[in-house]
PDB file of N, CA and C in Angstrom:
ATOM      1  N   MET A   1      97.073 115.100 106.422  1.00  0.00           N
ATOM      2  CA  MET A   1      96.866 116.094 105.658  1.00  0.00           C
ATOM      3  C   MET A   1      97.818 116.123 104.274  1.00  0.00           C
ATOM      4  N   LYS A   2      97.515 115.985 103.095  1.00  0.00           N
ATOM      5  CA  LYS A   2      98.470 115.867 102.024  1.00  0.00           C
ATOM      6  C   LYS A   2      99.070 117.314 101.935  1.00  0.00           C
ATOM      7  N   HIS A   3     100.453 117.633 101.743  1.00  0.00           N
ATOM      8  CA  HIS A   3     100.872 118.777 101.543  1.00  0.00           C
ATOM      9  C   HIS A   3     100.849 118.994  99.940  1.00  0.00           C
ATOM     10  N   PRO A   4     100.468 120.200  99.565  1.00  0.00           N
ATOM     11  CA  PRO A   4     100.499 120.697  98.136  1.00  0.00           C
ATOM     12  C   PRO A   4     101.642 120.433  97.358  1.00  0.00           C
ATOM     13  N   VAL A   5     102.401 120.174  97.788  1.00  0.00           N
ATOM     14  CA  VAL A   5     103.791 120.162  96.998  1.00  0.00           C
ATOM     15  C   VAL A   5     103.811 118.734  97.019  1.00  0.00           C
ATOM     16  N   ASP A   6     103.434 118.175  97.526  1.00  0.00           N
ATOM     17  CA  ASP A   6     103.787 116.201  97.705  1.00  0.00           C
ATOM     18  C   ASP A   6     102.629 115.876  96.658  1.00  0.00           C
ATOM     19  N   VAL A   7     101.817 116.431  96.569  1.00  0.00           N
ATOM     20  CA  VAL A   7     100.488 116.130  95.664  1.00  0.00           C
ATOM     21  C   VAL A   7     100.880 116.312  94.242  1.00  0.00           C
ATOM     22  N   HIS A   8     101.516 117.441  94.234  1.00  0.00           N
ATOM     23  CA  HIS A   8     102.254 118.005  93.067  1.00  0.00           C
ATOM     24  C   HIS A   8     103.302 117.063  92.383  1.00  0.00           C
ATOM     25  N   VAL A   9     104.111 116.982  93.084  1.00  0.00           N
ATOM     26  CA  VAL A   9     105.197 116.152  92.827  1.00  0.00           C
ATOM     27  C   VAL A   9     104.989 114.434  92.285  1.00  0.00           C
ATOM     28  N   GLY A  10     103.871 114.097  93.292  1.00  0.00           N
ATOM     29  CA  GLY A  10     103.458 112.671  92.953  1.00  0.00           C
ATOM     30  C   GLY A  10     102.603 112.608  91.419  1.00  0.00           C
ATOM     31  N   LYS A  11     101.967 113.694  91.424  1.00  0.00           N
ATOM     32  CA  LYS A  11     101.142 113.695  89.850  1.00  0.00           C
ATOM     33  C   LYS A  11     102.009 113.935  88.630  1.00  0.00           C
ATOM     34  N   ARG A  12     103.488 114.433  88.927  1.00  0.00           N
ATOM     35  CA  ARG A  12     104.257 114.583  87.998  1.00  0.00           C
ATOM     36  C   ARG A  12     105.010 113.180  87.757  1.00  0.00           C
ATOM     37  N   VAL A  13     105.314 112.486  89.138  1.00  0.00           N
ATOM     38  CA  VAL A  13     106.084 111.095  88.992  1.00  0.00           C
ATOM     39  C   VAL A  13     104.831 110.644  88.074  1.00  0.00           C
ATOM     40  N   ARG A  14     103.504 110.539  88.679  1.00  0.00           N
ATOM     41  CA  ARG A  14     102.326 109.617  87.569  1.00  0.00           C
ATOM     42  C   ARG A  14     102.243 110.354  85.844  1.00  0.00           C
ATOM     43  N   HIS A  15     102.654 111.357  85.898  1.00  0.00           N
ATOM     44  CA  HIS A  15     102.504 111.758  84.526  1.00  0.00           C
ATOM     45  C   HIS A  15     103.728 111.356  83.707  1.00  0.00           C
ATOM     46  N   ARG A  16     104.992 111.239  84.136  1.00  0.00           N
ATOM     47  CA  ARG A  16     106.236 111.101  83.434  1.00  0.00           C
ATOM     48  C   ARG A  16     106.029 109.555  83.119  1.00  0.00           C
ATOM     49  N   ARG A  17     105.545 108.637  84.259  1.00  0.00           N
ATOM     50  CA  ARG A  17     105.563 107.228  84.283  1.00  0.00           C
ATOM     51  C   ARG A  17     104.460 106.790  83.288  1.00  0.00           C
ATOM     52  N   TRP A  18     103.546 107.363  83.149  1.00  0.00           N
ATOM     53  CA  TRP A  18     102.388 107.198  82.180  1.00  0.00           C
ATOM     54  C   TRP A  18     102.924 107.226  81.043  1.00  0.00           C
ATOM     55  N   MET A  19     103.567 108.706  80.550  1.00  0.00           N
ATOM     56  CA  MET A  19     104.267 108.990  79.400  1.00  0.00           C
ATOM     57  C   MET A  19     105.318 108.034  78.708  1.00  0.00           C
ATOM     58  N   VAL A  20     106.308 107.513  79.492  1.00  0.00           N
ATOM     59  CA  VAL A  20     107.134 106.784  78.996  1.00  0.00           C
ATOM     60  C   VAL A  20     106.525 105.186  78.938  1.00  0.00           C
ATOM     61  N   GLY A  21     105.082 105.037  79.494  1.00  0.00           N
ATOM     62  CA  GLY A  21     104.330 103.399  79.193  1.00  0.00           C
ATOM     63  C   GLY A  21     104.753 102.541  80.304  1.00  0.00           C
ATOM     64  N   MET A  22     105.257 103.010  81.389  1.00  0.00           N
ATOM     65  CA  MET A  22     105.793 102.162  82.645  1.00  0.00           C
ATOM     66  C   MET A  22     104.641 102.047  83.459  1.00  0.00           C
ATOM     67  N   THR A  23     104.631 100.829  84.008  1.00  0.00           N
ATOM     68  CA  THR A  23     103.867 100.373  85.262  1.00  0.00           C
ATOM     69  C   THR A  23     104.132 101.029  86.285  1.00  0.00           C
ATOM     70  N   GLN A  24     103.359 100.915  87.419  1.00  0.00           N
ATOM     71  CA  GLN A  24     103.888 101.154  88.775  1.00  0.00           C
ATOM     72  C   GLN A  24     104.824  99.975  89.223  1.00  0.00           C
ATOM     73  N   GLN A  25     104.429  99.021  88.783  1.00  0.00           N
ATOM     74  CA  GLN A  25     105.279  97.836  89.109  1.00  0.00           C
ATOM     75  C   GLN A  25     106.576  97.976  88.586  1.00  0.00           C
ATOM     76  N   GLN A  26     106.557  98.347  87.448  1.00  0.00           N
ATOM     77  CA  GLN A  26     107.894  98.340  86.689  1.00  0.00           C
ATOM     78  C   GLN A  26     109.034  99.429  87.184  1.00  0.00           C
ATOM     79  N   LEU A  27     108.227 100.798  87.803  1.00  0.00           N
ATOM     80  CA  LEU A  27     108.653 101.613  88.013  1.00  0.00           C
ATOM     81  C   LEU A  27     109.335 101.450  89.786  1.00  0.00           C
ATOM     82  N   ALA A  28     108.793 100.878  90.373  1.00  0.00           N
ATOM     83  CA  ALA A  28     109.152 100.201  91.729  1.00  0.00           C
ATOM     84  C   ALA A  28     110.290  99.354  91.491  1.00  0.00           C
ATOM     85  N   GLY A  29     110.148  98.410  90.498  1.00  0.00           N
ATOM     86  CA  GLY A  29     111.111  97.135  90.763  1.00  0.00           C
ATOM     87  C   GLY A  29     112.378  98.180  90.263  1.00  0.00           C
ATOM     88  N   LYS A  30     112.434  99.202  89.394  1.00  0.00           N
ATOM     89  CA  LYS A  30     113.676  99.848  88.980  1.00  0.00           C
ATOM     90  C   LYS A  30     114.521 100.595  90.214  1.00  0.00           C
ATOM     91  N   VAL A  31     113.446 101.090  91.335  1.00  0.00           N
ATOM     92  CA  VAL A  31     113.645 101.982  92.202  1.00  0.00           C
ATOM     93  C   VAL A  31     114.014 101.123  93.604  1.00  0.00           C
ATOM     94  N   GLY A  32     113.607  99.942  93.535  1.00  0.00           N
ATOM     95  CA  GLY A  32     113.960  98.713  94.547  1.00  0.00           C
ATOM     96  C   GLY A  32     112.698  99.226  95.752  1.00  0.00           C
ATOM     97  N   ILE A  33     111.629  99.272  95.416  1.00  0.00           N
ATOM     98  CA  ILE A  33     110.519  99.314  95.931  1.00  0.00           C
ATOM     99  C   ILE A  33     109.065  98.656  96.006  1.00  0.00           C
ATOM    100  N   LYS A  34     108.209  98.700  96.902  1.00  0.00           N
ATOM    101  CA  LYS A  34     107.112  97.900  96.197  1.00  0.00           C
ATOM    102  C   LYS A  34     106.038  99.046  95.709  1.00  0.00           C
ATOM    103  N   PHE A  35     105.185  98.322  94.661  1.00  0.00           N
ATOM    104  CA  PHE A  35     104.555  99.558  93.768  1.00  0.00           C
ATOM    105  C   PHE A  35     103.099 100.084  94.706  1.00  0.00           C
ATOM    106  N   GLN A  36     103.080  99.453  95.909  1.00  0.00           N
ATOM    107  CA  GLN A  36     101.913 100.093  96.542  1.00  0.00           C
ATOM    108  C   GLN A  36     102.549 101.620  96.938  1.00  0.00           C
ATOM    109  N   GLN A  37     104.182 101.516  97.411  1.00  0.00           N
ATOM    110  CA  GLN A  37     104.755 102.786  97.658  1.00  0.00           C
ATOM    111  C   GLN A  37     104.760 103.639  96.695  1.00  0.00           C
ATOM    112  N   ILE A  38     104.984 103.514  95.461  1.00  0.00           N
ATOM    113  CA  ILE A  38     104.562 104.455  94.251  1.00  0.00           C
ATOM    114  C   ILE A  38     103.167 104.798  94.368  1.00  0.00           C
ATOM    115  N   GLN A  39     102.137 103.904  94.439  1.00  0.00           N
ATOM    116  CA  GLN A  39     100.600 104.391  94.622  1.00  0.00           C
ATOM    117  C   GLN A  39     100.618 105.497  95.774  1.00  0.00           C
ATOM    118  N   LYS A  40     101.414 105.299  96.837  1.00  0.00           N
ATOM    119  CA  LYS A  40     101.440 106.560  97.476  1.00  0.00           C
ATOM    120  C   LYS A  40     102.002 107.614  97.546  1.00  0.00           C
ATOM    121  N   TYR A  41     103.101 107.545  96.713  1.00  0.00           N
ATOM    122  CA  TYR A  41     103.850 109.079  96.231  1.00  0.00           C
ATOM    123  C   TYR A  41     102.879 109.577  95.193  1.00  0.00           C
ATOM    124  N   GLU A  42     102.469 108.666  94.456  1.00  0.00           N
ATOM    125  CA  GLU A  42     101.986 109.212  93.113  1.00  0.00           C
ATOM    126  C   GLU A  42     100.613 110.085  93.588  1.00  0.00           C
ATOM    127  N   THR A  43     100.015 109.519  94.698  1.00  0.00           N
ATOM    128  CA  THR A  43      98.705 110.622  95.225  1.00  0.00           C
ATOM    129  C   THR A  43      98.724 111.350  96.716  1.00  0.00           C
ATOM    130  N   GLY A  44     100.016 111.626  96.764  1.00  0.00           N
ATOM    131  CA  GLY A  44     100.702 112.915  97.571  1.00  0.00           C
ATOM    132  C   GLY A  44     100.669 112.071  99.322  1.00  0.00           C
ATOM    133  N   MET A  45     100.036 110.971  99.366  1.00  0.00           N
ATOM    134  CA  MET A  45      99.756 110.289 100.224  1.00  0.00           C
ATOM    135  C   MET A  45     101.090 110.142 101.633  1.00  0.00           C
ATOM    136  N   ASN A  46     102.215 109.948 100.666  1.00  0.00           N
ATOM    137  CA  ASN A  46     103.544 110.135 101.423  1.00  0.00           C
ATOM    138  C   ASN A  46     104.346 110.664 100.446  1.00  0.00           C
ATOM    139  N   ARG A  47     105.058 111.605 101.382  1.00  0.00           N
ATOM    140  CA  ARG A  47     106.176 112.103 100.899  1.00  0.00           C
ATOM    141  C   ARG A  47     107.603 111.377 100.456  1.00  0.00           C
ATOM    142  N   ILE A  48     108.181 112.037  98.926  1.00  0.00           N
ATOM    143  CA  ILE A  48     109.350 111.306  98.562  1.00  0.00           C
ATOM    144  C   ILE A  48     110.606 111.868  98.968  1.00  0.00           C
ATOM    145  N   SER A  49     111.457 111.232  99.473  1.00  0.00           N
ATOM    146  CA  SER A  49     112.596 111.583 100.318  1.00  0.00           C
ATOM    147  C   SER A  49     113.421 111.898  98.902  1.00  0.00           C
ATOM    148  N   ALA A  50     114.880 113.016  99.330  1.00  0.00           N
ATOM    149  CA  ALA A  50     115.424 113.563  98.081  1.00  0.00           C
ATOM    150  C   ALA A  50     116.396 112.399  97.435  1.00  0.00           C
ATOM    151  N   SER A  51     116.785 111.171  98.319  1.00  0.00           N
ATOM    152  CA  SER A  51     117.499 110.165  97.528  1.00  0.00           C
ATOM    153  C   SER A  51     116.544 109.453  96.831  1.00  0.00           C
ATOM    154  N   ARG A  52     115.234 109.164  97.247  1.00  0.00           N
ATOM    155  CA  ARG A  52     114.116 108.269  96.537  1.00  0.00           C
ATOM    156  C   ARG A  52     113.853 109.311  95.087  1.00  0.00           C
ATOM    157  N   LEU A  53     113.624 110.585  95.269  1.00  0.00           N
ATOM    158  CA  LEU A  53     113.163 111.221  93.931  1.00  0.00           C
ATOM    159  C   LEU A  53     114.252 111.031  92.995  1.00  0.00           C
ATOM    160  N   TRP A  54     115.412 111.162  93.585  1.00  0.00           N
ATOM    161  CA  TRP A  54     116.717 111.004  92.703  1.00  0.00           C
ATOM    162  C   TRP A  54     116.599 109.739  91.944  1.00  0.00           C
ATOM    163  N   ASP A  55     116.337 108.651  92.644  1.00  0.00           N
ATOM    164  CA  ASP A  55     116.180 107.555  91.900  1.00  0.00           C
ATOM    165  C   ASP A  55     115.030 107.293  91.066  1.00  0.00           C
ATOM    166  N   ILE A  56     113.875 107.879  91.259  1.00  0.00           N
ATOM    167  CA  ILE A  56     112.589 107.956  90.261  1.00  0.00           C
ATOM    168  C   ILE A  56     113.000 108.514  89.389  1.00  0.00           C
ATOM    169  N   ALA A  57     113.737 110.040  89.454  1.00  0.00           N
ATOM    170  CA  ALA A  57     114.341 110.748  88.236  1.00  0.00           C
ATOM    171  C   ALA A  57     115.070 110.057  87.216  1.00  0.00           C
ATOM    172  N   GLU A  58     116.007 109.143  87.943  1.00  0.00           N
ATOM    173  CA  GLU A  58     116.877 108.506  86.760  1.00  0.00           C
ATOM    174  C   GLU A  58     116.183 107.366  86.453  1.00  0.00           C
ATOM    175  N   ALA A  59     115.519 106.586  86.914  1.00  0.00           N
ATOM    176  CA  ALA A  59     114.368 105.429  86.223  1.00  0.00           C
ATOM    177  C   ALA A  59     113.303 106.146  85.194  1.00  0.00           C
ATOM    178  N   LEU A  60     112.928 107.169  85.402  1.00  0.00           N
ATOM    179  CA  LEU A  60     112.253 107.904  84.557  1.00  0.00           C
ATOM    180  C   LEU A  60     112.992 108.854  83.229  1.00  0.00           C
ATOM    181  N   ASP A  61     114.115 108.970  83.624  1.00  0.00           N
ATOM    182  CA  ASP A  61     115.088 109.493  82.700  1.00  0.00           C
ATOM    183  C   ASP A  61     114.770 110.995  82.645  1.00  0.00           C
ATOM    184  N   VAL A  62     114.591 111.663  83.649  1.00  0.00           N
ATOM    185  CA  VAL A  62     114.221 113.137  83.785  1.00  0.00           C
ATOM    186  C   VAL A  62     115.131 113.600  84.645  1.00  0.00           C
ATOM    187  N   PRO A  63     115.266 115.436  84.805  1.00  0.00           N
ATOM    188  CA  PRO A  63     115.863 115.759  86.028  1.00  0.00           C
ATOM    189  C   PRO A  63     115.146 115.797  86.983  1.00  0.00           C
ATOM    190  N   VAL A  64     115.800 115.838  88.267  1.00  0.00           N
ATOM    191  CA  VAL A  64     114.808 116.174  89.430  1.00  0.00           C
ATOM    192  C   VAL A  64     113.574 117.322  89.165  1.00  0.00           C
ATOM    193  N   SER A  65     114.358 118.137  88.570  1.00  0.00           N
ATOM    194  CA  SER A  65     113.509 119.406  88.675  1.00  0.00           C
ATOM    195  C   SER A  65     112.115 119.269  87.800  1.00  0.00           C
ATOM    196  N   PHE A  66     112.422 118.121  86.819  1.00  0.00           N
ATOM    197  CA  PHE A  66     110.928 118.026  86.245  1.00  0.00           C
ATOM    198  C   PHE A  66     109.755 117.871  87.355  1.00  0.00           C
ATOM    199  N   PHE A  67     109.941 117.150  88.446  1.00  0.00           N
ATOM    200  CA  PHE A  67     108.960 117.236  89.424  1.00  0.00           C
ATOM    201  C   PHE A  67     108.433 118.333  90.016  1.00  0.00           C
ATOM    202  N   PHE A  68     109.265 119.333  89.826  1.00  0.00           N
ATOM    203  CA  PHE A  68     108.436 120.497  90.527  1.00  0.00           C
ATOM    204  C   PHE A  68     108.070 121.658  89.160  1.00  0.00           C
ATOM    205  N   GLU A  69     108.276 121.210  87.819  1.00  0.00           N
ATOM    206  CA  GLU A  69     107.630 122.308  86.978  1.00  0.00           C
ATOM    207  C   GLU A  69     106.251 122.654  87.239  1.00  0.00           C
ATOM    208  N   GLY A  70     106.014 123.887  87.232  1.00  0.00           N
ATOM    209  CA  GLY A  70     104.292 124.342  87.146  1.00  0.00           C
ATOM    210  C   GLY A  70     103.879 124.131  89.094  1.00  0.00           C
ATOM    211  N   ILE A  71     104.873 123.860  89.759  1.00  0.00           N
ATOM    212  CA  ILE A  71     104.498 124.134  91.124  1.00  0.00           C
ATOM    213  C   ILE A  71     104.118 125.380  91.521  1.00  0.00           C
ATOM    214  N   SER A  72     104.416 126.535  91.396  1.00  0.00           N
ATOM    215  CA  SER A  72     104.085 127.869  91.408  1.00  0.00           C
ATOM    216  C   SER A  72     102.496 127.780  90.877  1.00  0.00           C
ATOM    217  N   ASP A  73     102.120 127.321  89.697  1.00  0.00           N
ATOM    218  CA  ASP A  73     100.459 127.475  89.255  1.00  0.00           C
ATOM    219  C   ASP A  73      99.947 126.669  90.187  1.00  0.00           C
ATOM    220  N   GLN A  74     100.304 125.593  90.633  1.00  0.00           N
ATOM    221  CA  GLN A  74      99.282 124.581  91.593  1.00  0.00           C
ATOM    222  C   GLN A  74      99.058 125.423  92.656  1.00  0.00           C
ATOM    223  N   ILE A  75     100.126 126.089  93.100  1.00  0.00           N
ATOM    224  CA  ILE A  75     100.103 126.770  94.741  1.00  0.00           C
ATOM    225  C   ILE A  75      99.002 127.826  94.350  1.00  0.00           C
ATOM    226  N   GLU A  76      99.140 128.606  93.368  1.00  0.00           N
ATOM    227  CA  GLU A  76      98.105 129.535  93.010  1.00  0.00           C
ATOM    228  C   GLU A  76      96.486 129.115  93.028  1.00  0.00           C
ATOM    229  N   ILE A  77      96.539 127.736  92.045  1.00  0.00           N
ATOM    230  CA  ILE A  77      95.326 127.215  92.119  1.00  0.00           C
ATOM    231  C   ILE A  77      94.538 127.021  93.419  1.00  0.00           C
ATOM    232  N   GLN A  78      95.600 126.823  94.457  1.00  0.00           N
ATOM    233  CA  GLN A  78      94.926 126.168  95.372  1.00  0.00           C
ATOM    234  C   GLN A  78      94.697 127.470  96.587  1.00  0.00           C
ATOM    235  N   SER A  79      95.316 128.575  96.352  1.00  0.00           N
ATOM    236  CA  SER A  79      95.274 130.074  97.007  1.00  0.00           C
ATOM    237  C   SER A  79      94.080 130.579  96.291  1.00  0.00           C
ATOM    238  N   GLY A  80      93.533 130.082  95.466  1.00  0.00           N
ATOM    239  CA  GLY A  80      92.373 130.872  94.576  1.00  0.00           C
ATOM    240  C   GLY A  80      92.516 132.033  93.654  1.00  0.00           C
ATOM    241  N   GLU A  81      93.887 132.058  93.485  1.00  0.00           N
ATOM    242  CA  GLU A  81      94.127 132.833  92.419  1.00  0.00           C
ATOM    243  C   GLU A  81      94.057 132.101  90.792  1.00  0.00           C
ATOM    244  N   ASN A  82      93.919 132.780  89.997  1.00  0.00           N
ATOM    245  CA  ASN A  82      93.756 132.566  88.279  1.00  0.00           C
ATOM    246  C   ASN A  82      94.852 131.940  87.909  1.00  0.00           C
ATOM    247  N   ALA A  83      94.629 130.853  87.428  1.00  0.00           N
ATOM    248  CA  ALA A  83      95.855 129.843  87.029  1.00  0.00           C
ATOM    249  C   ALA A  83      95.350 128.863  85.900  1.00  0.00           C
ATOM    250  N   PRO A  84      96.061 128.198  85.067  1.00  0.00           N
ATOM    251  CA  PRO A  84      95.407 127.063  84.256  1.00  0.00           C
ATOM    252  C   PRO A  84      94.999 125.777  84.874  1.00  0.00           C
ATOM    253  N   SER A  85      94.050 125.322  84.718  1.00  0.00           N
ATOM    254  CA  SER A  85      93.549 124.076  85.361  1.00  0.00           C
ATOM    255  C   SER A  85      94.947 122.935  85.475  1.00  0.00           C
ATOM    256  N   ASP A  86      94.794 121.681  86.117  1.00  0.00           N
ATOM    257  CA  ASP A  86      95.618 120.739  86.148  1.00  0.00           C
ATOM    258  C   ASP A  86      95.433 119.578  85.245  1.00  0.00           C
ATOM    259  N   LEU A  87      96.188 119.943  84.095  1.00  0.00           N
ATOM    260  CA  LEU A  87      96.008 118.857  82.983  1.00  0.00           C
ATOM    261  C   LEU A  87      96.341 117.683  83.220  1.00  0.00           C
ATOM    262  N   LEU A  88      97.401 117.494  84.295  1.00  0.00           N
ATOM    263  CA  LEU A  88      97.910 116.226  84.531  1.00  0.00           C
ATOM    264  C   LEU A  88      96.857 115.271  85.570  1.00  0.00           C
ATOM    265  N   ALA A  89      95.924 115.802  85.892  1.00  0.00           N
ATOM    266  CA  ALA A  89      94.965 115.031  86.555  1.00  0.00           C
ATOM    267  C   ALA A  89      93.797 114.538  85.402  1.00  0.00           C
ATOM    268  N   ASP A  90      93.712 115.078  84.202  1.00  0.00           N
ATOM    269  CA  ASP A  90      92.950 114.526  83.283  1.00  0.00           C
ATOM    270  C   ASP A  90      93.505 113.638  82.355  1.00  0.00           C
ATOM    271  N   LYS A  91      92.972 112.179  82.921  1.00  0.00           N
ATOM    272  CA  LYS A  91      93.473 111.050  81.909  1.00  0.00           C
ATOM    273  C   LYS A  91      93.252 111.353  80.429  1.00  0.00           C
ATOM    274  N   GLU A  92      92.291 111.992  80.032  1.00  0.00           N
ATOM    275  CA  GLU A  92      92.070 112.306  78.663  1.00  0.00           C
ATOM    276  C   GLU A  92      93.266 112.905  77.844  1.00  0.00           C
ATOM    277  N   ALA A  93      93.466 114.006  78.670  1.00  0.00           N
ATOM    278  CA  ALA A  93      94.554 115.383  78.390  1.00  0.00           C
ATOM    279  C   ALA A  93      95.640 114.370  78.399  1.00  0.00           C
ATOM    280  N   LEU A  94      95.901 113.585  79.195  1.00  0.00           N
ATOM    281  CA  LEU A  94      97.119 113.005  79.140  1.00  0.00           C
ATOM    282  C   LEU A  94      97.297 111.988  78.098  1.00  0.00           C
ATOM    283  N   GLU A  95      96.444 111.437  77.805  1.00  0.00           N
ATOM    284  CA  GLU A  95      96.390 110.289  76.522  1.00  0.00           C
ATOM    285  C   GLU A  95      96.292 111.428  75.068  1.00  0.00           C
ATOM    286  N   LEU A  96      95.645 112.362  75.026  1.00  0.00           N
ATOM    287  CA  LEU A  96      96.009 113.126  74.061  1.00  0.00           C
ATOM    288  C   LEU A  96      97.661 113.611  73.397  1.00  0.00           C
ATOM    289  N   VAL A  97      98.221 113.917  75.079  1.00  0.00           N
ATOM    290  CA  VAL A  97      99.382 114.528  74.981  1.00  0.00           C
ATOM    291  C   VAL A  97     100.245 113.278  74.310  1.00  0.00           C
ATOM    292  N   ARG A  98     100.321 112.156  75.094  1.00  0.00           N
ATOM    293  CA  ARG A  98     101.247 111.315  74.641  1.00  0.00           C
ATOM    294  C   ARG A  98     100.762 110.398  73.356  1.00  0.00           C
ATOM    295  N   SER A  99      99.547 110.579  72.519  1.00  0.00           N
ATOM    296  CA  SER A  99      99.294 110.138  71.130  1.00  0.00           C
ATOM    297  C   SER A  99     100.030 111.282  70.369  1.00  0.00           C
ATOM    298  N   TYR A 100     100.043 112.646  70.579  1.00  0.00           N
ATOM    299  CA  TYR A 100     100.325 113.819  69.842  1.00  0.00           C
ATOM    300  C   TYR A 100     102.047 113.644  69.640  1.00  0.00           C
ATOM    301  N   TYR A 101     102.641 113.009  70.432  1.00  0.00           N
ATOM    302  CA  TYR A 101     104.156 113.111  70.655  1.00  0.00           C
ATOM    303  C   TYR A 101     104.347 111.789  69.840  1.00  0.00           C
ATOM    304  N   GLN A 102     103.545 110.915  69.743  1.00  0.00           N
ATOM    305  CA  GLN A 102     103.922 109.705  68.677  1.00  0.00           C
ATOM    306  C   GLN A 102     104.128 109.958  67.361  1.00  0.00           C
ATOM    307  N   ILE A 103     103.155 110.979  66.965  1.00  0.00           N
ATOM    308  CA  ILE A 103     102.864 111.399  65.729  1.00  0.00           C
ATOM    309  C   ILE A 103     104.291 112.003  64.903  1.00  0.00           C
ATOM    310  N   PRO A 104     104.836 111.677  63.680  1.00  0.00           N
ATOM    311  CA  PRO A 104     105.972 112.345  63.198  1.00  0.00           C
ATOM    312  C   PRO A 104     105.894 113.794  63.479  1.00  0.00           C
ATOM    313  N   GLU A 105     107.122 114.285  63.618  1.00  0.00           N
ATOM    314  CA  GLU A 105     107.141 115.901  64.108  1.00  0.00           C
ATOM    315  C   GLU A 105     106.651 116.733  62.627  1.00  0.00           C
ATOM    316  N   THR A 106     106.794 116.718  61.600  1.00  0.00           N
ATOM    317  CA  THR A 106     106.041 117.437  60.633  1.00  0.00           C
ATOM    318  C   THR A 106     104.691 117.064  60.393  1.00  0.00           C
ATOM    319  N   GLN A 107     103.993 115.999  60.636  1.00  0.00           N
ATOM    320  CA  GLN A 107     102.362 115.872  60.902  1.00  0.00           C
ATOM    321  C   GLN A 107     102.168 116.824  61.961  1.00  0.00           C
ATOM    322  N   ARG A 108     102.993 116.437  63.185  1.00  0.00           N
ATOM    323  CA  ARG A 108     102.625 116.989  64.339  1.00  0.00           C
ATOM    324  C   ARG A 108     102.304 118.371  64.303  1.00  0.00           C
ATOM    325  N   ARG A 109     103.280 119.349  63.624  1.00  0.00           N
ATOM    326  CA  ARG A 109     103.093 120.707  63.434  1.00  0.00           C
ATOM    327  C   ARG A 109     102.116 121.143  62.630  1.00  0.00           C
ATOM    328  N   ARG A 110     101.585 120.285  61.834  1.00  0.00           N
ATOM    329  CA  ARG A 110     100.299 120.641  60.903  1.00  0.00           C
ATOM    330  C   ARG A 110      99.304 120.491  61.935  1.00  0.00           C
ATOM    331  N   LEU A 111      98.974 119.235  62.532  1.00  0.00           N
ATOM    332  CA  LEU A 111      98.141 119.047  63.719  1.00  0.00           C
ATOM    333  C   LEU A 111      98.061 120.283  64.692  1.00  0.00           C
ATOM    334  N   PHE A 112      99.217 120.866  64.926  1.00  0.00           N
ATOM    335  CA  PHE A 112      99.245 121.647  66.094  1.00  0.00           C
ATOM    336  C   PHE A 112      98.460 123.117  65.608  1.00  0.00           C
ATOM    337  N   ASP A 113      98.922 123.347  64.120  1.00  0.00           N
ATOM    338  CA  ASP A 113      98.649 124.601  63.639  1.00  0.00           C
ATOM    339  C   ASP A 113      97.026 124.669  63.245  1.00  0.00           C
ATOM    340  N   LEU A 114      96.591 123.252  63.229  1.00  0.00           N
ATOM    341  CA  LEU A 114      95.056 123.287  62.893  1.00  0.00           C
ATOM    342  C   LEU A 114      94.560 123.402  64.145  1.00  0.00           C
ATOM    343  N   ALA A 115      94.626 122.695  65.107  1.00  0.00           N
ATOM    344  CA  ALA A 115      94.375 123.002  66.781  1.00  0.00           C
ATOM    345  C   ALA A 115      94.382 124.310  66.792  1.00  0.00           C
ATOM    346  N   ARG A 116      95.193 125.592  66.736  1.00  0.00           N
ATOM    347  CA  ARG A 116      94.962 126.485  67.213  1.00  0.00           C
ATOM    348  C   ARG A 116      94.193 127.215  66.278  1.00  0.00           C
ATOM    349  N   ALA A 117      94.166 126.978  64.839  1.00  0.00           N
ATOM    350  CA  ALA A 117      92.807 127.623  64.371  1.00  0.00           C
ATOM    351  C   ALA A 117      91.858 127.275  64.508  1.00  0.00           C
ATOM    352  N   ILE A 118      91.407 126.078  64.866  1.00  0.00           N
ATOM    353  CA  ILE A 118      90.076 125.914  65.220  1.00  0.00           C
ATOM    354  C   ILE A 118      89.916 126.665  66.698  1.00  0.00           C
ATOM    355  N   SER A 119      90.736 126.622  67.781  1.00  0.00           N
ATOM    356  CA  SER A 119      90.458 127.021  68.823  1.00  0.00           C
ATOM    357  C   SER A 119      90.538 128.594  68.475  1.00  0.00           C
ATOM    358  N   GLU A 120      91.274 129.384  67.765  1.00  0.00           N
ATOM    359  CA  GLU A 120      90.876 130.564  67.445  1.00  0.00           C
ATOM    360  C   GLU A 120      89.563 131.295  67.141  1.00  0.00           C
ATOM    361  N   ASP A 121      89.065 130.177  65.924  1.00  0.00           N
ATOM    362  CA  ASP A 121      87.867 130.415  65.560  1.00  0.00           C
ATOM    363  C   ASP A 121      86.588 130.414  66.708  1.00  0.00           C
ATOM    364  N   ALA A 122      86.815 129.614  67.371  1.00  0.00           N
ATOM    365  CA  ALA A 122      85.757 129.210  68.537  1.00  0.00           C
ATOM    366  C   ALA A 122      85.666 130.452  69.383  1.00  0.00           C
ATOM    367  N   ALA A 123      86.883 131.009  69.873  1.00  0.00           N
ATOM    368  CA  ALA A 123      87.060 131.961  70.653  1.00  0.00           C
ATOM    369  C   ALA A 123      86.196 133.452  70.287  1.00  0.00           C
TER     370      ALA A 123
END
């Protein structure tokens, strides 16, 4: 049975890998393992050791703490409490975020303001 923390950390690995445009094969090569192991980590099927997580963090250029961000929200979801849904599991949301950060900052701010105004009108 998958542990919720392993699943969360795996999703964060997949999210960051995807955001930097790296394949599982490329990440595996940087860490010195086979891409199938990356697949198992990303699904939470296998736990990531502390030293391996350190290597993955360096390969993805994030602090190790990145992989644990939002973990309390995830645990609340699994315990049935109200919490935001897991956007990292939604490929469309990830693609939107990735595209958003490719927009120049001044235009990105305008887009953000527009999205906020539209969402407030819809509420």
